[in-house]
Structures are given as structure tokens and as C-alpha cells.
Amino acid sequence: MRVEQLAVFLENRSGRLAEITRILAENDINIRALSVADTADFGILRLIVDKVDAAKQALKENGFTVGKTNVLAVEVPDQAGGLAGVLKIVEEQGLNVEYMYAFINRSGENAILIFRFEDMDKAINALQKEGVTILSGDQVCSL
């Protein structure tokens, strides 16, 4: 149920994001979702890719600091209220969201929400109990 995500420390310097995408492209690694969070001095690039270990190795070999974490990929209808429905469950269950981001799959019928919860097991149980679809890493990469 969990999806492996890479977190890359990124200096706020021109060309660093382009460098990461070039390295991944040269290693035939496809980015499925990403998010960038920044401060004045640095950022954190969060990536879901089709070849997690190869991406981590390639980026480390090129001097990037890379970590691997688990997140949940939650499928919701791509319509008004899709996100609100999931967040209602999150609120009712008292789940703490550390961060989230979203992407639309190719069909356009559903959106995929990427969540990092403080208590991942509790989140999985609560969402599944309410009938929310949680995707595996393979499912996310095949969209």
C-alpha cells in the first residue's frame, strides 16, 4: 500500500532542478509525480519515479543528498469535492498530514493525492475502512 518516494536536498541555485531531471533522463527514469518545497536557502524535491533505487543511486553519484520515504497514493474522483471527501475522513479520524501533493492520471477520470501522514498505519486503516482506494507504487507508475 505504500509508495516509495525520493526526497532530494536542493540548493536554491540556478540549474539544480534541470540537472536532476537531466540525470534521471540519462538513466531512463520516468518521473510520475513531484513536489518542490523551498525556503530562502534550500528546497526539498519530492519525487515518485518508476525506478526508485536506480534514481537514488544516480543522484547520489552526482553529489545530491537523497533520502527515501514512504507515502500513500490515494485515488479520488477528479471532480469538485474529491479532495474534500478524503480530507473529511482524515479530519474525522484525527490524522495528521505532514504534507501532500496531487497529480492527474492520463485518463483524467481520477486524481491521485500523495500523502505523508504522521501515523501511516492508522491512515491506511482509516482510509481503507471508508472505501478509499490506495494505490501501490507499481500502480502509480503504470498510470
C-alpha atoms as a PDB file:
ATOM      1  CA  MET A   1       0.000   0.000   0.000  1.00  0.00           C
ATOM      2  CA  ARG A   2       2.921   2.350   0.490  1.00  0.00           C
ATOM      3  CA  VAL A   3       4.718   4.128  -2.329  1.00  0.00           C
ATOM      4  CA  GLU A   4       8.445   4.832  -2.139  1.00  0.00           C
ATOM      5  CA  GLN A   5       9.268   8.489  -2.615  1.00  0.00           C
ATOM      6  CA  LEU A   6      12.653  10.134  -3.000  1.00  0.00           C
ATOM      7  CA  ALA A   7      13.438  13.371  -1.187  1.00  0.00           C
ATOM      8  CA  VAL A   8      16.326  15.326  -2.682  1.00  0.00           C
ATOM      9  CA  PHE A   9      18.019  18.206  -0.876  1.00  0.00           C
ATOM     10  CA  LEU A  10      18.260  21.035  -3.384  1.00  0.00           C
ATOM     11  CA  GLU A  11      20.265  24.232  -3.047  1.00  0.00           C
ATOM     12  CA  ASN A  12      18.401  27.307  -4.282  1.00  0.00           C
ATOM     13  CA  ARG A  13      20.755  27.764  -7.208  1.00  0.00           C
ATOM     14  CA  SER A  14      20.032  28.198 -10.878  1.00  0.00           C
ATOM     15  CA  GLY A  15      20.094  24.963 -12.850  1.00  0.00           C
ATOM     16  CA  ARG A  16      19.923  22.453  -9.989  1.00  0.00           C
ATOM     17  CA  LEU A  17      16.425  21.215 -10.824  1.00  0.00           C
ATOM     18  CA  ALA A  18      17.373  20.940 -14.502  1.00  0.00           C
ATOM     19  CA  GLU A  19      20.437  18.933 -13.502  1.00  0.00           C
ATOM     20  CA  ILE A  20      18.334  16.443 -11.551  1.00  0.00           C
ATOM     21  CA  THR A  21      15.911  15.944 -14.411  1.00  0.00           C
ATOM     22  CA  ARG A  22      18.805  15.512 -16.855  1.00  0.00           C
ATOM     23  CA  ILE A  23      20.408  12.837 -14.642  1.00  0.00           C
ATOM     24  CA  LEU A  24      17.117  10.974 -14.379  1.00  0.00           C
ATOM     25  CA  ALA A  25      16.515  11.207 -18.135  1.00  0.00           C
ATOM     26  CA  GLU A  26      20.020   9.926 -18.903  1.00  0.00           C
ATOM     27  CA  ASN A  27      19.266   6.907 -16.703  1.00  0.00           C
ATOM     28  CA  ASP A  28      15.889   6.258 -18.366  1.00  0.00           C
ATOM     29  CA  ILE A  29      13.992   7.064 -15.168  1.00  0.00           C
ATOM     30  CA  ASN A  30      10.460   8.386 -15.523  1.00  0.00           C
ATOM     31  CA  ILE A  31       9.114  10.944 -13.047  1.00  0.00           C
ATOM     32  CA  ARG A  32       5.488  10.164 -12.167  1.00  0.00           C
ATOM     33  CA  ALA A  33       4.905  12.919  -9.595  1.00  0.00           C
ATOM     34  CA  LEU A  34       6.904  15.662  -7.953  1.00  0.00           C
ATOM     35  CA  SER A  35       6.685  18.475  -5.484  1.00  0.00           C
ATOM     36  CA  VAL A  36       9.145  21.198  -4.532  1.00  0.00           C
ATOM     37  CA  ALA A  37       9.084  22.894  -1.137  1.00  0.00           C
ATOM     38  CA  ASP A  38      11.574  25.659  -0.521  1.00  0.00           C
ATOM     39  CA  THR A  39      12.997  28.122   1.931  1.00  0.00           C
ATOM     40  CA  ALA A  40      15.310  31.036   1.213  1.00  0.00           C
ATOM     41  CA  ASP A  41      18.410  28.819   1.103  1.00  0.00           C
ATOM     42  CA  PHE A  42      17.341  25.345   0.033  1.00  0.00           C
ATOM     43  CA  GLY A  43      14.484  23.212  -1.152  1.00  0.00           C
ATOM     44  CA  ILE A  44      13.300  19.662  -0.935  1.00  0.00           C
ATOM     45  CA  LEU A  45      12.326  17.967  -4.153  1.00  0.00           C
ATOM     46  CA  ARG A  46       9.987  15.050  -3.577  1.00  0.00           C
ATOM     47  CA  LEU A  47       9.791  12.572  -6.444  1.00  0.00           C
ATOM     48  CA  ILE A  48       7.905   9.439  -7.297  1.00  0.00           C
ATOM     49  CA  VAL A  49       9.742   7.646 -10.076  1.00  0.00           C
ATOM     50  CA  ASP A  50       9.475   4.317 -11.835  1.00  0.00           C
ATOM     51  CA  LYS A  51      12.956   3.115 -10.768  1.00  0.00           C
ATOM     52  CA  VAL A  52      13.457   4.276  -7.193  1.00  0.00           C
ATOM     53  CA  ASP A  53      16.755   2.573  -6.367  1.00  0.00           C
ATOM     54  CA  ALA A  54      18.359   3.470  -9.716  1.00  0.00           C
ATOM     55  CA  ALA A  55      17.271   7.095  -9.295  1.00  0.00           C
ATOM     56  CA  LYS A  56      18.626   7.268  -5.764  1.00  0.00           C
ATOM     57  CA  GLN A  57      21.961   5.815  -6.853  1.00  0.00           C
ATOM     58  CA  ALA A  58      22.300   8.069  -9.919  1.00  0.00           C
ATOM     59  CA  LEU A  59      21.527  11.213  -7.933  1.00  0.00           C
ATOM     60  CA  LYS A  60      23.903  10.257  -5.095  1.00  0.00           C
ATOM     61  CA  GLU A  61      26.668   9.540  -7.615  1.00  0.00           C
ATOM     62  CA  ASN A  62      26.179  13.085  -8.887  1.00  0.00           C
ATOM     63  CA  GLY A  63      26.552  14.661  -5.464  1.00  0.00           C
ATOM     64  CA  PHE A  64      22.939  15.029  -4.349  1.00  0.00           C
ATOM     65  CA  THR A  65      21.741  14.186  -0.860  1.00  0.00           C
ATOM     66  CA  VAL A  66      18.846  11.757  -1.321  1.00  0.00           C
ATOM     67  CA  GLY A  67      16.536  10.032   1.131  1.00  0.00           C
ATOM     68  CA  LYS A  68      13.768   7.511   0.656  1.00  0.00           C
ATOM     69  CA  THR A  69      10.429   7.677   2.481  1.00  0.00           C
ATOM     70  CA  ASN A  70       7.044   6.039   2.223  1.00  0.00           C
ATOM     71  CA  VAL A  71       3.907   7.890   1.224  1.00  0.00           C
ATOM     72  CA  LEU A  72       0.341   6.919   0.353  1.00  0.00           C
ATOM     73  CA  ALA A  73      -1.146   7.390  -3.107  1.00  0.00           C
ATOM     74  CA  VAL A  74      -4.886   7.875  -2.753  1.00  0.00           C
ATOM     75  CA  GLU A  75      -7.196   7.814  -5.763  1.00  0.00           C
ATOM     76  CA  VAL A  76     -10.141  10.229  -5.778  1.00  0.00           C
ATOM     77  CA  PRO A  77     -12.627  11.310  -8.425  1.00  0.00           C
ATOM     78  CA  ASP A  78     -11.301  14.248 -10.461  1.00  0.00           C
ATOM     79  CA  GLN A  79     -14.279  16.438  -9.699  1.00  0.00           C
ATOM     80  CA  ALA A  80     -15.342  19.148  -7.302  1.00  0.00           C
ATOM     81  CA  GLY A  81     -15.296  17.727  -3.779  1.00  0.00           C
ATOM     82  CA  GLY A  82     -12.908  14.816  -4.468  1.00  0.00           C
ATOM     83  CA  LEU A  83     -10.226  16.181  -2.161  1.00  0.00           C
ATOM     84  CA  ALA A  84     -12.780  17.420   0.374  1.00  0.00           C
ATOM     85  CA  GLY A  85     -14.177  13.902   0.742  1.00  0.00           C
ATOM     86  CA  VAL A  86     -10.796  12.409   1.610  1.00  0.00           C
ATOM     87  CA  LEU A  87      -9.887  15.265   3.934  1.00  0.00           C
ATOM     88  CA  LYS A  88     -13.197  14.828   5.770  1.00  0.00           C
ATOM     89  CA  ILE A  89     -12.141  11.264   6.613  1.00  0.00           C
ATOM     90  CA  VAL A  90      -8.686  12.493   7.603  1.00  0.00           C
ATOM     91  CA  GLU A  91     -10.214  15.097   9.917  1.00  0.00           C
ATOM     92  CA  GLU A  92     -12.766  12.732  11.454  1.00  0.00           C
ATOM     93  CA  GLN A  93     -10.053  10.166  12.207  1.00  0.00           C
ATOM     94  CA  GLY A  94      -7.722  12.775  13.712  1.00  0.00           C
ATOM     95  CA  LEU A  95      -4.968  12.010  11.190  1.00  0.00           C
ATOM     96  CA  ASN A  96      -2.091  14.466  10.961  1.00  0.00           C
ATOM     97  CA  VAL A  97      -0.994  15.231   7.382  1.00  0.00           C
ATOM     98  CA  GLU A  98       2.700  16.111   7.243  1.00  0.00           C
ATOM     99  CA  TYR A  99       2.426  17.108   3.579  1.00  0.00           C
ATOM    100  CA  MET A 100       0.545  16.281   0.404  1.00  0.00           C
ATOM    101  CA  TYR A 101       0.560  16.957  -3.319  1.00  0.00           C
ATOM    102  CA  ALA A 102      -1.526  15.786  -6.239  1.00  0.00           C
ATOM    103  CA  PHE A 103      -1.414  14.787  -9.887  1.00  0.00           C
ATOM    104  CA  ILE A 104      -3.888  13.785 -12.558  1.00  0.00           C
ATOM    105  CA  ASN A 105      -3.505  10.457 -14.305  1.00  0.00           C
ATOM    106  CA  ARG A 106      -3.677  10.075 -18.070  1.00  0.00           C
ATOM    107  CA  SER A 107      -7.337   9.098 -18.218  1.00  0.00           C
ATOM    108  CA  GLY A 108      -8.405  12.292 -16.458  1.00  0.00           C
ATOM    109  CA  GLU A 109     -11.094  10.361 -14.567  1.00  0.00           C
ATOM    110  CA  ASN A 110      -9.309  10.337 -11.226  1.00  0.00           C
ATOM    111  CA  ALA A 111      -6.765  12.407  -9.394  1.00  0.00           C
ATOM    112  CA  ILE A 112      -4.014  10.895  -7.284  1.00  0.00           C
ATOM    113  CA  LEU A 113      -3.235  12.502  -3.949  1.00  0.00           C
ATOM    114  CA  ILE A 114       0.149  11.796  -2.405  1.00  0.00           C
ATOM    115  CA  PHE A 115       0.065  11.940   1.387  1.00  0.00           C
ATOM    116  CA  ARG A 116       2.650  11.663   4.100  1.00  0.00           C
ATOM    117  CA  PHE A 117       0.892  11.022   7.402  1.00  0.00           C
ATOM    118  CA  GLU A 118       2.345  11.147  10.882  1.00  0.00           C
ATOM    119  CA  ASP A 119       0.863   7.684  11.536  1.00  0.00           C
ATOM    120  CA  MET A 120       0.886   5.832   8.222  1.00  0.00           C
ATOM    121  CA  ASP A 121      -0.664   2.600   9.544  1.00  0.00           C
ATOM    122  CA  LYS A 122      -3.575   4.436  11.159  1.00  0.00           C
ATOM    123  CA  ALA A 123      -4.120   6.364   7.912  1.00  0.00           C
ATOM    124  CA  ILE A 124      -4.131   3.192   5.792  1.00  0.00           C
ATOM    125  CA  ASN A 125      -6.654   1.516   8.099  1.00  0.00           C
ATOM    126  CA  ALA A 126      -8.934   4.554   8.297  1.00  0.00           C
ATOM    127  CA  LEU A 127      -8.950   5.234   4.554  1.00  0.00           C
ATOM    128  CA  GLN A 128      -9.483   1.598   3.590  1.00  0.00           C
ATOM    129  CA  LYS A 129     -12.308   1.275   6.119  1.00  0.00           C
ATOM    130  CA  GLU A 130     -14.050   4.171   4.347  1.00  0.00           C
ATOM    131  CA  GLY A 131     -13.587   2.561   0.923  1.00  0.00           C
ATOM    132  CA  VAL A 132     -10.866   4.901  -0.328  1.00  0.00           C
ATOM    133  CA  THR A 133      -8.626   3.367  -2.989  1.00  0.00           C
ATOM    134  CA  ILE A 134      -4.940   3.334  -2.041  1.00  0.00           C
ATOM    135  CA  LEU A 135      -2.576   2.592  -4.911  1.00  0.00           C
ATOM    136  CA  SER A 136       0.717   0.707  -4.862  1.00  0.00           C
ATOM    137  CA  GLY A 137       3.914   2.119  -6.309  1.00  0.00           C
ATOM    138  CA  ASP A 138       3.525  -0.112  -9.381  1.00  0.00           C
ATOM    139  CA  GLN A 139       0.003   1.176  -9.928  1.00  0.00           C
ATOM    140  CA  VAL A 140       1.137   4.801  -9.673  1.00  0.00           C
ATOM    141  CA  CYS A 141       3.939   4.216 -12.177  1.00  0.00           C
ATOM    142  CA  SER A 142       1.628   2.477 -14.643  1.00  0.00           C
ATOM    143  CA  LEU A 143      -0.858   5.368 -14.809  1.00  0.00           C
END
